[in-house]
Protein backbone atom coordinates (compact mmCIF):
# COMPACT_ATOMS: atom_id res chain seq x y z
CA UNK A 1 0.00 0.00 0.00
CA UNK A 2 1.39 3.41 -0.98
CA UNK A 3 1.20 6.13 1.65
CA UNK A 4 1.91 9.82 1.99
CA UNK A 5 3.43 11.28 5.14
CA UNK A 6 3.57 14.92 6.16
CA UNK A 7 6.11 15.33 8.96
CA UNK A 8 7.28 18.37 10.92
CA UNK A 9 10.11 18.44 13.44
CA UNK A 10 10.47 21.03 16.18
CA UNK A 11 13.77 20.83 18.09
CA UNK A 12 13.29 22.69 21.37
CA UNK A 13 16.54 24.63 21.32
CA UNK A 14 17.80 27.90 19.83
CA UNK A 15 19.86 26.17 17.13
CA UNK A 16 16.90 24.28 15.66
CA UNK A 17 17.79 24.26 11.95
CA UNK A 18 20.62 21.71 11.84
CA UNK A 19 18.74 18.85 13.53
CA UNK A 20 15.91 19.32 11.01
CA UNK A 21 18.31 19.38 8.06
CA UNK A 22 20.07 16.28 9.40
CA UNK A 23 16.76 14.42 9.75
CA UNK A 24 15.73 15.29 6.19
CA UNK A 25 19.17 14.36 4.81
CA UNK A 26 19.00 10.97 6.51
CA UNK A 27 15.55 10.30 5.04
CA UNK A 28 16.84 11.22 1.60
CA UNK A 29 19.43 8.42 1.75
CA UNK A 30 16.70 5.79 1.33
CA UNK A 31 16.12 5.23 -2.41
CA UNK A 32 12.72 3.62 -1.79
CA UNK A 33 11.36 6.90 -0.37
CA UNK A 34 10.43 10.05 -2.25
CA UNK A 35 11.29 12.90 0.16
CA UNK A 36 10.07 16.42 -0.66
CA UNK A 37 11.07 19.10 1.87
CA UNK A 38 9.48 22.53 1.95
CA UNK A 39 9.50 25.52 4.29
CA UNK A 40 6.91 24.17 6.74
CA UNK A 41 7.19 20.39 6.65
CA UNK A 42 8.52 17.47 4.67
CA UNK A 43 6.45 15.12 2.58
CA UNK A 44 7.52 11.50 2.30
CA UNK A 45 5.98 9.07 -0.17
CA UNK A 46 6.51 5.34 -0.30
CA UNK A 47 5.24 1.87 0.47
CA UNK A 48 3.84 1.62 4.01
CA UNK A 49 5.76 -1.53 4.97
CA UNK A 50 9.03 0.06 3.83
CA UNK A 51 8.43 3.57 5.15
CA UNK A 52 7.38 2.72 8.71
CA UNK A 53 10.53 0.82 9.81
CA UNK A 54 12.67 3.59 8.30
CA UNK A 55 10.64 6.24 10.08
CA UNK A 56 10.86 4.38 13.37
CA UNK A 57 14.63 4.06 13.04
CA UNK A 58 15.21 7.68 12.03
CA UNK A 59 12.97 9.09 14.76
CA UNK A 60 14.78 6.92 17.30
CA UNK A 61 18.11 8.26 15.97
CA UNK A 62 16.89 11.88 16.17
CA UNK A 63 15.58 11.38 19.71
CA UNK A 64 18.94 9.88 20.69
CA UNK A 65 20.78 13.14 19.96
CA UNK A 66 19.94 14.51 23.44
CA UNK A 67 17.87 17.35 22.03
CA UNK A 68 14.24 17.74 23.11
CA UNK A 69 12.25 17.28 19.89
CA UNK A 70 8.57 17.40 18.98
CA UNK A 71 7.52 15.53 15.82
CA UNK A 72 4.10 16.00 14.24
CA UNK A 73 2.98 13.58 11.52
CA UNK A 74 0.00 13.12 9.23
CA UNK A 75 -0.25 9.83 7.36
CA UNK A 76 -2.58 9.22 4.40
CA UNK A 77 -3.26 5.75 2.99
CA UNK A 78 -2.68 6.76 -0.62
CA UNK A 79 0.04 8.28 -2.79
CA UNK A 80 -0.58 12.02 -2.87
CA UNK A 81 2.74 12.91 -4.51
CA UNK A 82 0.87 14.30 -7.53
CA UNK A 83 -0.87 16.81 -5.21
CA UNK A 84 1.77 17.72 -2.64
CA UNK A 85 0.28 17.90 0.85
PDB file of N, CA and C in Angstrom:
ATOM      1  N   UNK A   1       0.826  -1.164   0.000  1.00  0.00           N
ATOM      2  CA  UNK A   1       0.000   0.000   0.000  1.00  0.00           C
ATOM      3  C   UNK A   1       0.884   1.246   0.000  1.00  0.00           C
ATOM      4  N   UNK A   2       0.663   2.141  -0.935  1.00  0.00           N
ATOM      5  CA  UNK A   2       1.389   3.408  -0.976  1.00  0.00           C
ATOM      6  C   UNK A   2       0.775   4.381   0.018  1.00  0.00           C
ATOM      7  N   UNK A   3       1.650   5.150   0.669  1.00  0.00           N
ATOM      8  CA  UNK A   3       1.203   6.133   1.649  1.00  0.00           C
ATOM      9  C   UNK A   3       1.922   7.459   1.418  1.00  0.00           C
ATOM     10  N   UNK A   4       1.329   8.482   2.008  1.00  0.00           N
ATOM     11  CA  UNK A   4       1.914   9.821   1.993  1.00  0.00           C
ATOM     12  C   UNK A   4       2.016  10.290   3.437  1.00  0.00           C
ATOM     13  N   UNK A   5       3.170  10.820   3.786  1.00  0.00           N
ATOM     14  CA  UNK A   5       3.430  11.283   5.144  1.00  0.00           C
ATOM     15  C   UNK A   5       3.808  12.756   5.093  1.00  0.00           C
ATOM     16  N   UNK A   6       3.184  13.531   5.961  1.00  0.00           N
ATOM     17  CA  UNK A   6       3.567  14.923   6.155  1.00  0.00           C
ATOM     18  C   UNK A   6       4.159  14.978   7.559  1.00  0.00           C
ATOM     19  N   UNK A   7       5.420  15.372   7.662  1.00  0.00           N
ATOM     20  CA  UNK A   7       6.106  15.335   8.956  1.00  0.00           C
ATOM     21  C   UNK A   7       6.789  16.671   9.229  1.00  0.00           C
ATOM     22  N   UNK A   8       6.633  17.134  10.469  1.00  0.00           N
ATOM     23  CA  UNK A   8       7.284  18.367  10.920  1.00  0.00           C
ATOM     24  C   UNK A   8       8.073  18.058  12.180  1.00  0.00           C
ATOM     25  N   UNK A   9       9.249  18.632  12.276  1.00  0.00           N
ATOM     26  CA  UNK A   9      10.114  18.436  13.439  1.00  0.00           C
ATOM     27  C   UNK A   9      10.363  19.785  14.093  1.00  0.00           C
ATOM     28  N   UNK A  10      10.255  19.811  15.415  1.00  0.00           N
ATOM     29  CA  UNK A  10      10.474  21.033  16.181  1.00  0.00           C
ATOM     30  C   UNK A  10      11.480  20.765  17.296  1.00  0.00           C
ATOM     31  N   UNK A  11      12.779  20.943  17.023  1.00  0.00           N
ATOM     32  CA  UNK A  11      13.768  20.832  18.091  1.00  0.00           C
ATOM     33  C   UNK A  11      13.576  21.994  19.078  1.00  0.00           C
ATOM     34  N   UNK A  12      13.540  21.679  20.353  1.00  0.00           N
ATOM     35  CA  UNK A  12      13.291  22.689  21.372  1.00  0.00           C
ATOM     36  C   UNK A  12      14.609  23.255  21.891  1.00  0.00           C
ATOM     37  N   UNK A  13      15.280  23.969  20.996  1.00  0.00           N
ATOM     38  CA  UNK A  13      16.535  24.634  21.318  1.00  0.00           C
ATOM     39  C   UNK A  13      16.709  25.799  20.349  1.00  0.00           C
ATOM     40  N   UNK A  14      17.580  26.719  20.686  1.00  0.00           N
ATOM     41  CA  UNK A  14      17.797  27.897  19.827  1.00  0.00           C
ATOM     42  C   UNK A  14      18.326  27.520  18.452  1.00  0.00           C
ATOM     43  N   UNK A  15      19.273  26.601  18.401  1.00  0.00           N
ATOM     44  CA  UNK A  15      19.862  26.168  17.135  1.00  0.00           C
ATOM     45  C   UNK A  15      19.025  25.004  16.599  1.00  0.00           C
ATOM     46  N   UNK A  16      17.861  25.313  16.065  1.00  0.00           N
ATOM     47  CA  UNK A  16      16.905  24.281  15.660  1.00  0.00           C
ATOM     48  C   UNK A  16      17.091  23.804  14.222  1.00  0.00           C
ATOM     49  N   UNK A  17      17.755  24.581  13.375  1.00  0.00           N
ATOM     50  CA  UNK A  17      17.787  24.257  11.946  1.00  0.00           C
ATOM     51  C   UNK A  17      18.594  22.999  11.621  1.00  0.00           C
ATOM     52  N   UNK A  18      19.757  22.836  12.209  1.00  0.00           N
ATOM     53  CA  UNK A  18      20.625  21.712  11.844  1.00  0.00           C
ATOM     54  C   UNK A  18      20.011  20.347  12.149  1.00  0.00           C
ATOM     55  N   UNK A  19      19.376  20.154  13.312  1.00  0.00           N
ATOM     56  CA  UNK A  19      18.738  18.847  13.533  1.00  0.00           C
ATOM     57  C   UNK A  19      17.657  18.531  12.490  1.00  0.00           C
ATOM     58  N   UNK A  20      16.931  19.528  12.045  1.00  0.00           N
ATOM     59  CA  UNK A  20      15.907  19.324  11.012  1.00  0.00           C
ATOM     60  C   UNK A  20      16.575  18.934   9.699  1.00  0.00           C
ATOM     61  N   UNK A  21      17.603  19.679   9.315  1.00  0.00           N
ATOM     62  CA  UNK A  21      18.308  19.379   8.063  1.00  0.00           C
ATOM     63  C   UNK A  21      18.940  17.991   8.103  1.00  0.00           C
ATOM     64  N   UNK A  22      19.480  17.607   9.257  1.00  0.00           N
ATOM     65  CA  UNK A  22      20.069  16.280   9.405  1.00  0.00           C
ATOM     66  C   UNK A  22      19.012  15.191   9.244  1.00  0.00           C
ATOM     67  N   UNK A  23      17.847  15.393   9.835  1.00  0.00           N
ATOM     68  CA  UNK A  23      16.764  14.421   9.749  1.00  0.00           C
ATOM     69  C   UNK A  23      16.322  14.239   8.294  1.00  0.00           C
ATOM     70  N   UNK A  24      16.142  15.340   7.594  1.00  0.00           N
ATOM     71  CA  UNK A  24      15.735  15.289   6.186  1.00  0.00           C
ATOM     72  C   UNK A  24      16.813  14.601   5.351  1.00  0.00           C
ATOM     73  N   UNK A  25      18.066  14.963   5.575  1.00  0.00           N
ATOM     74  CA  UNK A  25      19.168  14.362   4.810  1.00  0.00           C
ATOM     75  C   UNK A  25      19.225  12.854   5.018  1.00  0.00           C
ATOM     76  N   UNK A  26      18.988  12.402   6.236  1.00  0.00           N
ATOM     77  CA  UNK A  26      19.005  10.965   6.507  1.00  0.00           C
ATOM     78  C   UNK A  26      17.853  10.275   5.780  1.00  0.00           C
ATOM     79  N   UNK A  27      16.668  10.890   5.774  1.00  0.00           N
ATOM     80  CA  UNK A  27      15.545  10.297   5.043  1.00  0.00           C
ATOM     81  C   UNK A  27      15.846  10.202   3.550  1.00  0.00           C
ATOM     82  N   UNK A  28      16.549  11.190   3.028  1.00  0.00           N
ATOM     83  CA  UNK A  28      16.842  11.224   1.597  1.00  0.00           C
ATOM     84  C   UNK A  28      17.846  10.148   1.166  1.00  0.00           C
ATOM     85  N   UNK A  29      18.483   9.472   2.110  1.00  0.00           N
ATOM     86  CA  UNK A  29      19.433   8.418   1.753  1.00  0.00           C
ATOM     87  C   UNK A  29      18.737   7.109   1.380  1.00  0.00           C
ATOM     88  N   UNK A  30      17.448   7.010   1.622  1.00  0.00           N
ATOM     89  CA  UNK A  30      16.703   5.785   1.327  1.00  0.00           C
ATOM     90  C   UNK A  30      16.095   5.889  -0.068  1.00  0.00           C
ATOM     91  N   UNK A  31      16.601   5.109  -1.025  1.00  0.00           N
ATOM     92  CA  UNK A  31      16.117   5.226  -2.409  1.00  0.00           C
ATOM     93  C   UNK A  31      14.656   4.827  -2.584  1.00  0.00           C
ATOM     94  N   UNK A  32      14.106   4.049  -1.659  1.00  0.00           N
ATOM     95  CA  UNK A  32      12.720   3.625  -1.790  1.00  0.00           C
ATOM     96  C   UNK A  32      11.720   4.707  -1.349  1.00  0.00           C
ATOM     97  N   UNK A  33      12.222   5.804  -0.795  1.00  0.00           N
ATOM     98  CA  UNK A  33      11.356   6.900  -0.370  1.00  0.00           C
ATOM     99  C   UNK A  33      11.506   8.090  -1.309  1.00  0.00           C
ATOM    100  N   UNK A  34      10.410   8.774  -1.537  1.00  0.00           N
ATOM    101  CA  UNK A  34      10.425  10.051  -2.248  1.00  0.00           C
ATOM    102  C   UNK A  34      10.247  11.123  -1.180  1.00  0.00           C
ATOM    103  N   UNK A  35      11.287  11.913  -0.916  1.00  0.00           N
ATOM    104  CA  UNK A  35      11.293  12.904   0.162  1.00  0.00           C
ATOM    105  C   UNK A  35      11.275  14.294  -0.457  1.00  0.00           C
ATOM    106  N   UNK A  36      10.246  15.087  -0.092  1.00  0.00           N
ATOM    107  CA  UNK A  36      10.066  16.419  -0.660  1.00  0.00           C
ATOM    108  C   UNK A  36       9.989  17.434   0.480  1.00  0.00           C
ATOM    109  N   UNK A  37      11.110  18.086   0.815  1.00  0.00           N
ATOM    110  CA  UNK A  37      11.074  19.100   1.873  1.00  0.00           C
ATOM    111  C   UNK A  37      10.504  20.413   1.363  1.00  0.00           C
ATOM    112  N   UNK A  38       9.886  21.156   2.255  1.00  0.00           N
ATOM    113  CA  UNK A  38       9.479  22.530   1.955  1.00  0.00           C
ATOM    114  C   UNK A  38       9.670  23.366   3.211  1.00  0.00           C
ATOM    115  N   UNK A  39       9.222  24.589   3.191  1.00  0.00           N
ATOM    116  CA  UNK A  39       9.502  25.517   4.292  1.00  0.00           C
ATOM    117  C   UNK A  39       8.805  25.137   5.600  1.00  0.00           C
ATOM    118  N   UNK A  40       7.677  24.447   5.535  1.00  0.00           N
ATOM    119  CA  UNK A  40       6.909  24.166   6.744  1.00  0.00           C
ATOM    120  C   UNK A  40       6.955  22.727   7.215  1.00  0.00           C
ATOM    121  N   UNK A  41       7.172  21.805   6.297  1.00  0.00           N
ATOM    122  CA  UNK A  41       7.185  20.388   6.652  1.00  0.00           C
ATOM    123  C   UNK A  41       7.902  19.623   5.542  1.00  0.00           C
ATOM    124  N   UNK A  42       7.934  18.327   5.694  1.00  0.00           N
ATOM    125  CA  UNK A  42       8.525  17.467   4.669  1.00  0.00           C
ATOM    126  C   UNK A  42       7.506  16.392   4.321  1.00  0.00           C
ATOM    127  N   UNK A  43       7.325  16.175   3.033  1.00  0.00           N
ATOM    128  CA  UNK A  43       6.445  15.116   2.577  1.00  0.00           C
ATOM    129  C   UNK A  43       7.302  13.908   2.205  1.00  0.00           C
ATOM    130  N   UNK A  44       6.831  12.745   2.600  1.00  0.00           N
ATOM    131  CA  UNK A  44       7.525  11.504   2.303  1.00  0.00           C
ATOM    132  C   UNK A  44       6.500  10.554   1.686  1.00  0.00           C
ATOM    133  N   UNK A  45       6.870   9.966   0.560  1.00  0.00           N
ATOM    134  CA  UNK A  45       5.984   9.067  -0.169  1.00  0.00           C
ATOM    135  C   UNK A  45       6.684   7.730  -0.333  1.00  0.00           C
ATOM    136  N   UNK A  46       5.933   6.656  -0.136  1.00  0.00           N
ATOM    137  CA  UNK A  46       6.509   5.336  -0.304  1.00  0.00           C
ATOM    138  C   UNK A  46       5.530   4.247   0.053  1.00  0.00           C
ATOM    139  N   UNK A  47       6.033   3.036   0.099  1.00  0.00           N
ATOM    140  CA  UNK A  47       5.241   1.870   0.472  1.00  0.00           C
ATOM    141  C   UNK A  47       5.213   1.784   1.996  1.00  0.00           C
ATOM    142  N   UNK A  48       4.029   1.622   2.552  1.00  0.00           N
ATOM    143  CA  UNK A  48       3.839   1.623   4.009  1.00  0.00           C
ATOM    144  C   UNK A  48       4.823   0.695   4.725  1.00  0.00           C
ATOM    145  N   UNK A  49       4.918  -0.552   4.281  1.00  0.00           N
ATOM    146  CA  UNK A  49       5.761  -1.532   4.968  1.00  0.00           C
ATOM    147  C   UNK A  49       7.252  -1.228   4.850  1.00  0.00           C
ATOM    148  N   UNK A  50       7.640  -0.377   3.932  1.00  0.00           N
ATOM    149  CA  UNK A  50       9.033   0.060   3.826  1.00  0.00           C
ATOM    150  C   UNK A  50       9.262   1.356   4.597  1.00  0.00           C
ATOM    151  N   UNK A  51       8.295   2.259   4.530  1.00  0.00           N
ATOM    152  CA  UNK A  51       8.432   3.569   5.154  1.00  0.00           C
ATOM    153  C   UNK A  51       8.441   3.492   6.679  1.00  0.00           C
ATOM    154  N   UNK A  52       7.541   2.705   7.253  1.00  0.00           N
ATOM    155  CA  UNK A  52       7.382   2.722   8.708  1.00  0.00           C
ATOM    156  C   UNK A  52       8.626   2.258   9.474  1.00  0.00           C
ATOM    157  N   UNK A  53       9.302   1.177   9.085  1.00  0.00           N
ATOM    158  CA  UNK A  53      10.529   0.819   9.808  1.00  0.00           C
ATOM    159  C   UNK A  53      11.625   1.890   9.673  1.00  0.00           C
ATOM    160  N   UNK A  54      11.702   2.503   8.505  1.00  0.00           N
ATOM    161  CA  UNK A  54      12.672   3.586   8.304  1.00  0.00           C
ATOM    162  C   UNK A  54      12.337   4.743   9.218  1.00  0.00           C
ATOM    163  N   UNK A  55      11.081   5.118   9.245  1.00  0.00           N
ATOM    164  CA  UNK A  55      10.639   6.236  10.080  1.00  0.00           C
ATOM    165  C   UNK A  55      10.911   5.951  11.553  1.00  0.00           C
ATOM    166  N   UNK A  56      10.605   4.755  11.982  1.00  0.00           N
ATOM    167  CA  UNK A  56      10.858   4.379  13.367  1.00  0.00           C
ATOM    168  C   UNK A  56      12.350   4.502  13.701  1.00  0.00           C
ATOM    169  N   UNK A  57      13.186   4.009  12.823  1.00  0.00           N
ATOM    170  CA  UNK A  57      14.626   4.060  13.041  1.00  0.00           C
ATOM    171  C   UNK A  57      15.149   5.490  13.061  1.00  0.00           C
ATOM    172  N   UNK A  58      14.699   6.303  12.117  1.00  0.00           N
ATOM    173  CA  UNK A  58      15.211   7.677  12.026  1.00  0.00           C
ATOM    174  C   UNK A  58      14.688   8.568  13.154  1.00  0.00           C
ATOM    175  N   UNK A  59      13.472   8.334  13.599  1.00  0.00           N
ATOM    176  CA  UNK A  59      12.971   9.091  14.762  1.00  0.00           C
ATOM    177  C   UNK A  59      13.749   8.680  16.005  1.00  0.00           C
ATOM    178  N   UNK A  60      13.984   7.392  16.158  1.00  0.00           N
ATOM    179  CA  UNK A  60      14.782   6.921  17.299  1.00  0.00           C
ATOM    180  C   UNK A  60      16.176   7.566  17.274  1.00  0.00           C
ATOM    181  N   UNK A  61      16.791   7.631  16.091  1.00  0.00           N
ATOM    182  CA  UNK A  61      18.106   8.260  15.966  1.00  0.00           C
ATOM    183  C   UNK A  61      18.035   9.741  16.360  1.00  0.00           C
ATOM    184  N   UNK A  62      17.030  10.455  15.859  1.00  0.00           N
ATOM    185  CA  UNK A  62      16.888  11.883  16.174  1.00  0.00           C
ATOM    186  C   UNK A  62      16.668  12.087  17.672  1.00  0.00           C
ATOM    187  N   UNK A  63      15.832  11.256  18.276  1.00  0.00           N
ATOM    188  CA  UNK A  63      15.578  11.376  19.712  1.00  0.00           C
ATOM    189  C   UNK A  63      16.821  11.036  20.533  1.00  0.00           C
ATOM    190  N   UNK A  64      17.721  10.260  19.993  1.00  0.00           N
ATOM    191  CA  UNK A  64      18.939   9.882  20.694  1.00  0.00           C
ATOM    192  C   UNK A  64      20.024  10.940  20.684  1.00  0.00           C
ATOM    193  N   UNK A  65      19.770  12.074  20.050  1.00  0.00           N
ATOM    194  CA  UNK A  65      20.776  13.135  19.959  1.00  0.00           C
ATOM    195  C   UNK A  65      20.763  14.072  21.166  1.00  0.00           C
ATOM    196  N   UNK A  66      20.011  13.723  22.204  1.00  0.00           N
ATOM    197  CA  UNK A  66      19.942  14.506  23.444  1.00  0.00           C
ATOM    198  C   UNK A  66      19.446  15.929  23.224  1.00  0.00           C
ATOM    199  N   UNK A  67      18.530  16.081  22.286  1.00  0.00           N
ATOM    200  CA  UNK A  67      17.867  17.351  22.034  1.00  0.00           C
ATOM    201  C   UNK A  67      16.374  17.103  22.224  1.00  0.00           C
ATOM    202  N   UNK A  68      15.685  17.913  23.033  1.00  0.00           N
ATOM    203  CA  UNK A  68      14.236  17.739  23.114  1.00  0.00           C
ATOM    204  C   UNK A  68      13.612  18.058  21.750  1.00  0.00           C
ATOM    205  N   UNK A  69      12.812  17.134  21.228  1.00  0.00           N
ATOM    206  CA  UNK A  69      12.246  17.282  19.889  1.00  0.00           C
ATOM    207  C   UNK A  69      10.762  16.918  19.918  1.00  0.00           C
ATOM    208  N   UNK A  70       9.970  17.722  19.235  1.00  0.00           N
ATOM    209  CA  UNK A  70       8.572  17.400  18.982  1.00  0.00           C
ATOM    210  C   UNK A  70       8.465  17.036  17.507  1.00  0.00           C
ATOM    211  N   UNK A  71       7.776  15.930  17.205  1.00  0.00           N
ATOM    212  CA  UNK A  71       7.525  15.531  15.819  1.00  0.00           C
ATOM    213  C   UNK A  71       6.024  15.395  15.632  1.00  0.00           C
ATOM    214  N   UNK A  72       5.520  16.052  14.585  1.00  0.00           N
ATOM    215  CA  UNK A  72       4.101  16.003  14.239  1.00  0.00           C
ATOM    216  C   UNK A  72       3.995  15.337  12.872  1.00  0.00           C
ATOM    217  N   UNK A  73       3.108  14.317  12.777  1.00  0.00           N
ATOM    218  CA  UNK A  73       2.976  13.577  11.520  1.00  0.00           C
ATOM    219  C   UNK A  73       1.510  13.439  11.127  1.00  0.00           C
ATOM    220  N   UNK A  74       1.294  13.471   9.810  1.00  0.00           N
ATOM    221  CA  UNK A  74      -0.002  13.125   9.230  1.00  0.00           C
ATOM    222  C   UNK A  74       0.274  12.054   8.193  1.00  0.00           C
ATOM    223  N   UNK A  75      -0.468  10.968   8.246  1.00  0.00           N
ATOM    224  CA  UNK A  75      -0.254   9.835   7.356  1.00  0.00           C
ATOM    225  C   UNK A  75      -1.546   9.556   6.600  1.00  0.00           C
ATOM    226  N   UNK A  76      -1.430   9.458   5.273  1.00  0.00           N
ATOM    227  CA  UNK A  76      -2.582   9.219   4.401  1.00  0.00           C
ATOM    228  C   UNK A  76      -2.357   7.889   3.691  1.00  0.00           C
ATOM    229  N   UNK A  77      -3.400   7.075   3.592  1.00  0.00           N
ATOM    230  CA  UNK A  77      -3.260   5.748   2.991  1.00  0.00           C
ATOM    231  C   UNK A  77      -3.415   5.770   1.476  1.00  0.00           C
ATOM    232  N   UNK A  78      -2.737   6.687   0.840  1.00  0.00           N
ATOM    233  CA  UNK A  78      -2.682   6.760  -0.621  1.00  0.00           C
ATOM    234  C   UNK A  78      -1.503   7.629  -1.038  1.00  0.00           C
ATOM    235  N   UNK A  79      -1.064   7.473  -2.260  1.00  0.00           N
ATOM    236  CA  UNK A  79       0.038   8.280  -2.790  1.00  0.00           C
ATOM    237  C   UNK A  79      -0.513   9.620  -3.245  1.00  0.00           C
ATOM    238  N   UNK A  80      -0.138  10.668  -2.547  1.00  0.00           N
ATOM    239  CA  UNK A  80      -0.577  12.019  -2.866  1.00  0.00           C
ATOM    240  C   UNK A  80       0.559  12.841  -3.465  1.00  0.00           C
ATOM    241  N   UNK A  81       1.579  12.188  -3.999  1.00  0.00           N
ATOM    242  CA  UNK A  81       2.735  12.913  -4.515  1.00  0.00           C
ATOM    243  C   UNK A  81       2.377  13.790  -5.713  1.00  0.00           C
ATOM    244  N   UNK A  82       1.293  13.470  -6.394  1.00  0.00           N
ATOM    245  CA  UNK A  82       0.874  14.304  -7.529  1.00  0.00           C
ATOM    246  C   UNK A  82       0.203  15.587  -7.052  1.00  0.00           C
ATOM    247  N   UNK A  83      -0.245  15.630  -5.807  1.00  0.00           N
ATOM    248  CA  UNK A  83      -0.872  16.808  -5.208  1.00  0.00           C
ATOM    249  C   UNK A  83      -0.190  17.007  -3.873  1.00  0.00           C
ATOM    250  N   UNK A  84       0.982  17.608  -3.868  1.00  0.00           N
ATOM    251  CA  UNK A  84       1.770  17.723  -2.637  1.00  0.00           C
ATOM    252  C   UNK A  84       0.913  18.224  -1.496  1.00  0.00           C
ATOM    253  N   UNK A  85       1.062  17.590  -0.341  1.00  0.00           N
ATOM    254  CA  UNK A  85       0.276  17.901   0.852  1.00  0.00           C
ATOM    255  C   UNK A  85       0.513  19.310   1.333  1.00  0.00           C
TER     256      UNK A  85
END
